[in-house]
Amino acid sequence: MFESRRSQSTFSLAMAMLENSFHAGARKVRQTHRYAIMAILMSVLQSMLFIAAFYMMFTVLGQRGAAVRGDFMLYLLTGIFAYLTHIKAVQAITGAENSTSALMQHAPMNTMVAILSSALSVLYTQTVSLLVILLILHTLFTPITIHNWPGALGMFILAWGSGCVIGLLFMGLKPWVPDLAGILQQVYVRANMIASGKMFVANMMPTAIIGFFDWNPLFHIIDQARGFVFVNYFPHHSNWQYALYATLVLMVIGFMGEAFTRRHASDSWNAGR
């Protein structure tokens, strides 16, 4: 009549959590459209519109010659995709289900699964979008040559990871002050349109204004990505170690904040809102 639950090993618990994260991630991908392929196509279309807009802006302003010597489309991709991946990761983790969500009433679900599924769904859609756009450029326009693709891939992953941990900070803050957390997230997203440095070449920036960008890990990631992509570009005002260490520190702070919020959060907080 009654069944005793056997204790599971750490490995089996980890595999169960990864399985739950996979199914929750697939649900996240399908949230924007019933079919996953359409959700991916929408992500590709959004990225292509960003690229087209910046291409037209650089062309009209006559700034194409001020870019890195090499493939101009790769120059745009290194900035735009790092920015989009970072910002989408911030938004996805911030909007992930927290401890007061109704979905947490289901036994296999927990906040860690919600965070992992949101993060993996962004990584999946952005990776597929990047590969599709690179394939289109390589086959229809001009052959793509990347000087150091493992390093460029590492910067792409770092842009995603740093976005996830910053989103984790907003996620931990949201149950306490949801309106303020939403405002801060929007300010961060809007500020990074400029502060990420995706429209500038860091080596050509005056030293007096480098300080306005140097605090931002995304600025370092984009500049270092261009150093890995282009054989003739050597970043002098950035380093990927800063972005990595900042990501690790923010990850620790974010998980501490999320754990504290999970222990103290209550459904009644939203009753008066």
Protein backbone atom coordinates (compact mmCIF):
# COMPACT_ATOMS: atom_id res chain seq x y z
CA MET A 1 0.00 0.00 0.00
CA PHE A 2 2.75 2.38 0.97
CA GLU A 3 6.01 2.53 -0.97
CA SER A 4 9.22 3.64 0.63
CA ARG A 5 11.30 6.04 -1.41
CA ARG A 6 14.84 4.85 -1.93
CA SER A 7 17.61 7.39 -1.61
CA GLN A 8 19.13 8.37 -4.92
CA SER A 9 22.79 8.88 -5.63
CA THR A 10 24.19 12.31 -6.40
CA PHE A 11 24.73 11.30 -10.02
CA SER A 12 21.13 10.16 -10.50
CA LEU A 13 19.84 13.35 -8.88
CA ALA A 14 22.03 15.43 -11.19
CA MET A 15 20.81 13.50 -14.25
CA ALA A 16 17.19 13.93 -13.14
CA MET A 17 17.72 17.67 -12.76
CA LEU A 18 19.30 17.87 -16.23
CA GLU A 19 16.37 15.95 -17.70
CA ASN A 20 13.90 18.31 -16.04
CA SER A 21 15.96 21.27 -17.28
CA PHE A 22 15.86 19.89 -20.83
CA HIS A 23 12.06 19.56 -20.85
CA ALA A 24 11.60 22.95 -19.20
CA GLY A 25 14.04 24.47 -21.70
CA ALA A 26 12.07 23.00 -24.61
CA ARG A 27 8.96 24.59 -23.10
CA LYS A 28 10.78 27.94 -22.93
CA VAL A 29 11.79 27.75 -26.59
CA ARG A 30 8.16 27.06 -27.57
CA GLN A 31 6.78 29.94 -25.50
CA THR A 32 7.28 32.43 -28.34
CA HIS A 33 5.68 30.11 -30.92
CA ARG A 34 3.90 26.77 -31.02
CA TYR A 35 6.62 25.26 -33.18
CA ALA A 36 10.24 25.40 -32.01
CA ILE A 37 11.54 25.92 -35.55
CA MET A 38 9.45 29.08 -35.88
CA ALA A 39 10.81 30.39 -32.58
CA ILE A 40 14.34 29.88 -33.91
CA LEU A 41 13.47 31.54 -37.22
CA MET A 42 12.10 34.55 -35.33
CA SER A 43 15.40 34.78 -33.43
CA VAL A 44 17.31 34.62 -36.74
CA LEU A 45 15.08 37.32 -38.23
CA GLN A 46 15.59 39.60 -35.22
CA SER A 47 19.36 39.20 -35.46
CA MET A 48 19.32 39.88 -39.20
CA LEU A 49 17.25 43.04 -38.66
CA PHE A 50 19.80 44.25 -36.08
CA ILE A 51 22.64 43.58 -38.50
CA ALA A 52 20.83 45.32 -41.37
CA ALA A 53 20.07 48.36 -39.21
CA PHE A 54 23.66 48.78 -38.06
CA TYR A 55 24.98 48.10 -41.57
CA MET A 56 22.82 50.93 -42.93
CA MET A 57 23.81 53.22 -40.06
CA PHE A 58 27.55 52.67 -40.58
CA THR A 59 27.13 53.08 -44.35
CA VAL A 60 25.12 56.30 -44.11
CA LEU A 61 27.49 57.80 -41.54
CA GLY A 62 30.51 56.73 -43.56
CA GLN A 63 32.03 54.83 -40.62
CA ARG A 64 32.77 51.56 -42.37
CA GLY A 65 36.38 52.59 -42.90
CA ALA A 66 36.78 53.18 -39.14
CA ALA A 67 36.00 49.54 -38.38
CA VAL A 68 38.52 46.74 -38.02
CA ARG A 69 40.40 45.99 -41.25
CA GLY A 70 38.75 42.82 -42.49
CA ASP A 71 35.26 41.48 -43.16
CA PHE A 72 32.83 44.23 -42.14
CA MET A 73 29.97 41.78 -41.56
CA LEU A 74 32.10 39.81 -39.11
CA TYR A 75 32.85 43.07 -37.32
CA LEU A 76 29.11 43.66 -36.94
CA LEU A 77 28.43 40.07 -35.88
CA THR A 78 31.03 40.11 -33.10
CA GLY A 79 29.32 43.08 -31.50
CA ILE A 80 25.66 42.43 -32.24
CA PHE A 81 25.55 38.73 -31.36
CA ALA A 82 27.49 39.16 -28.13
CA TYR A 83 25.12 41.98 -27.17
CA LEU A 84 21.94 40.11 -28.11
CA THR A 85 23.05 36.90 -26.40
CA HIS A 86 24.01 38.79 -23.24
CA ILE A 87 20.80 40.83 -23.08
CA LYS A 88 18.52 37.88 -23.88
CA ALA A 89 20.20 35.88 -21.11
CA VAL A 90 19.62 38.75 -18.67
CA GLN A 91 15.94 38.97 -19.62
CA ALA A 92 15.39 35.20 -19.60
CA ILE A 93 16.90 34.62 -16.16
CA THR A 94 15.18 37.68 -14.70
CA GLY A 95 11.84 36.37 -15.97
CA ALA A 96 12.43 32.79 -14.83
CA GLU A 97 9.99 31.22 -12.36
CA ASN A 98 10.98 32.03 -8.79
CA SER A 99 10.08 30.30 -5.54
CA THR A 100 6.61 31.91 -5.37
CA SER A 101 5.62 30.75 -8.88
CA ALA A 102 2.72 28.30 -9.20
CA LEU A 103 4.94 26.04 -11.29
CA MET A 104 7.04 25.35 -8.19
CA GLN A 105 4.12 23.37 -6.74
CA HIS A 106 5.06 20.49 -9.04
CA ALA A 107 7.49 18.19 -7.24
CA PRO A 108 10.27 17.85 -9.89
CA MET A 109 10.40 21.61 -10.41
CA ASN A 110 12.68 23.93 -8.45
CA THR A 111 14.35 27.28 -8.97
CA MET A 112 17.60 25.70 -10.17
CA VAL A 113 15.73 23.89 -12.94
CA ALA A 114 13.97 27.15 -13.86
CA ILE A 115 17.30 28.99 -14.05
CA LEU A 116 19.04 26.26 -16.07
CA SER A 117 16.15 25.86 -18.50
CA SER A 118 15.94 29.60 -19.16
CA ALA A 119 19.70 29.84 -19.65
CA LEU A 120 19.91 26.81 -21.95
CA SER A 121 16.96 27.95 -24.07
CA VAL A 122 18.74 31.25 -24.79
CA LEU A 123 22.03 29.50 -25.55
CA TYR A 124 20.29 27.09 -27.92
CA THR A 125 18.36 29.68 -29.91
CA GLN A 126 21.28 32.10 -30.14
CA THR A 127 23.74 29.39 -31.18
CA VAL A 128 21.45 28.13 -33.93
CA SER A 129 20.77 31.71 -35.07
CA LEU A 130 24.50 32.47 -35.26
CA LEU A 131 25.24 29.30 -37.22
CA VAL A 132 22.40 30.00 -39.67
CA ILE A 133 23.57 33.57 -40.31
CA LEU A 134 27.20 32.48 -40.73
CA LEU A 135 26.08 29.80 -43.16
CA ILE A 136 24.07 32.34 -45.19
CA LEU A 137 27.00 34.77 -45.31
CA HIS A 138 29.49 32.05 -46.20
CA THR A 139 27.44 30.49 -48.99
CA LEU A 140 25.67 33.49 -50.54
CA PHE A 141 28.06 36.41 -50.06
CA THR A 142 31.70 35.86 -49.14
CA PRO A 143 33.65 33.02 -47.48
CA ILE A 144 33.95 33.46 -43.72
CA THR A 145 37.39 33.16 -42.17
CA ILE A 146 37.80 33.25 -38.38
CA HIS A 147 41.38 33.55 -37.11
CA ASN A 148 40.87 31.76 -33.77
CA TRP A 149 37.43 30.17 -33.62
CA PRO A 150 37.86 28.46 -30.19
CA GLY A 151 38.63 31.85 -28.65
CA ALA A 152 35.72 33.49 -30.47
CA LEU A 153 33.42 30.70 -29.30
CA GLY A 154 34.69 31.18 -25.75
CA MET A 155 33.75 34.86 -25.87
CA PHE A 156 30.29 33.95 -27.14
CA ILE A 157 29.84 31.56 -24.20
CA LEU A 158 31.20 34.18 -21.80
CA ALA A 159 28.73 36.78 -23.12
CA TRP A 160 25.94 34.29 -22.43
CA GLY A 161 27.27 33.34 -18.99
CA SER A 162 27.77 36.92 -17.83
CA GLY A 163 24.22 37.74 -18.95
CA CYS A 164 22.90 34.78 -16.95
CA VAL A 165 24.58 35.84 -13.71
CA ILE A 166 23.45 39.47 -14.05
CA GLY A 167 19.92 38.20 -14.69
CA LEU A 168 20.31 36.10 -11.53
CA LEU A 169 20.95 39.27 -9.55
CA PHE A 170 17.74 40.84 -10.89
CA MET A 171 15.87 37.58 -10.27
CA GLY A 172 16.87 37.58 -6.60
CA LEU A 173 15.87 41.24 -6.25
CA LYS A 174 12.53 40.97 -8.07
CA PRO A 175 10.41 39.36 -5.30
CA TRP A 176 11.46 42.10 -2.86
CA VAL A 177 11.00 45.16 -5.09
CA PRO A 178 9.56 44.01 -8.44
CA ASP A 179 9.00 47.49 -9.86
CA LEU A 180 12.54 48.63 -9.03
CA ALA A 181 14.02 45.39 -10.38
CA GLY A 182 12.15 45.89 -13.67
CA ILE A 183 13.35 49.48 -13.95
CA LEU A 184 16.97 48.51 -13.22
CA GLN A 185 16.82 45.74 -15.81
CA GLN A 186 15.53 48.13 -18.47
CA VAL A 187 18.18 50.71 -17.57
CA TYR A 188 20.89 48.05 -17.86
CA VAL A 189 19.61 46.85 -21.24
CA ARG A 190 19.33 50.39 -22.64
CA ALA A 191 22.70 51.46 -21.24
CA ASN A 192 24.43 48.54 -22.92
CA MET A 193 23.29 49.75 -26.33
CA ILE A 194 26.20 52.19 -25.94
CA ALA A 195 28.25 50.90 -22.98
CA SER A 196 28.86 47.51 -24.60
CA GLY A 197 31.09 49.21 -27.19
CA LYS A 198 29.69 47.14 -30.04
CA MET A 199 29.63 50.21 -32.30
CA PHE A 200 33.22 51.25 -31.57
CA VAL A 201 36.72 49.88 -32.00
CA ALA A 202 38.28 49.98 -28.54
CA ASN A 203 41.82 50.53 -29.84
CA MET A 204 40.68 53.71 -31.60
CA MET A 205 38.86 55.19 -28.62
CA PRO A 206 40.50 58.11 -26.78
CA THR A 207 42.00 57.17 -23.43
CA ALA A 208 39.87 59.83 -21.71
CA ILE A 209 36.62 57.97 -22.45
CA ILE A 210 37.82 54.38 -22.00
CA GLY A 211 36.85 54.64 -18.32
CA PHE A 212 33.19 55.00 -19.28
CA PHE A 213 33.30 51.54 -20.88
CA ASP A 214 36.03 49.72 -18.97
CA TRP A 215 33.75 48.71 -16.06
CA ASN A 216 31.49 46.68 -18.34
CA PRO A 217 32.41 42.98 -18.79
CA LEU A 218 30.50 42.95 -22.08
CA PHE A 219 32.80 45.66 -23.44
CA HIS A 220 35.81 43.44 -22.73
CA ILE A 221 34.07 40.40 -24.23
CA ILE A 222 33.21 42.13 -27.51
CA ASP A 223 36.68 43.65 -27.91
CA GLN A 224 38.39 40.35 -27.14
CA ALA A 225 36.07 38.52 -29.55
CA ARG A 226 37.23 40.84 -32.33
CA GLY A 227 40.81 40.05 -31.39
CA PHE A 228 40.09 36.32 -31.83
CA VAL A 229 38.12 36.76 -35.05
CA PHE A 230 40.48 39.11 -36.92
CA VAL A 231 44.10 38.22 -37.54
CA ASN A 232 45.21 41.87 -37.65
CA TYR A 233 43.43 43.19 -34.53
CA PHE A 234 45.14 43.11 -31.13
CA PRO A 235 43.04 44.45 -28.21
CA HIS A 236 44.95 46.87 -25.96
CA HIS A 237 42.20 48.16 -23.65
CA SER A 238 40.47 44.92 -22.65
CA ASN A 239 41.13 41.44 -21.31
CA TRP A 240 38.88 38.41 -21.09
CA GLN A 241 40.16 37.53 -17.59
CA TYR A 242 38.36 40.54 -16.14
CA ALA A 243 35.08 39.45 -17.73
CA LEU A 244 35.56 35.88 -16.48
CA TYR A 245 36.39 36.89 -12.90
CA ALA A 246 33.52 39.38 -12.82
CA THR A 247 31.17 36.64 -14.02
CA LEU A 248 32.34 34.22 -11.32
CA VAL A 249 32.01 36.82 -8.56
CA LEU A 250 28.56 37.89 -9.71
CA MET A 251 27.52 34.22 -9.96
CA VAL A 252 28.39 33.64 -6.30
CA ILE A 253 26.57 36.81 -5.23
CA GLY A 254 23.59 35.96 -7.44
CA PHE A 255 23.16 32.43 -6.07
CA MET A 256 23.54 33.72 -2.51
CA GLY A 257 20.84 36.32 -3.15
CA GLU A 258 18.55 33.79 -4.83
CA ALA A 259 18.96 31.33 -1.94
CA PHE A 260 18.21 34.06 0.61
CA THR A 261 15.13 35.14 -1.34
CA ARG A 262 13.92 31.54 -1.69
CA ARG A 263 14.05 31.03 2.07
CA HIS A 264 12.14 34.22 2.84
CA ALA A 265 9.82 34.67 -0.14
CA SER A 266 6.08 34.40 0.43
CA ASP A 267 3.06 34.29 -1.89
CA SER A 268 1.43 36.99 0.26
CA TRP A 269 3.98 39.57 -0.92
CA ASN A 270 2.07 39.99 -4.15
CA ALA A 271 -1.34 40.17 -2.49
CA GLY A 272 -1.34 43.95 -2.16
CA ARG A 273 0.12 44.60 -5.59
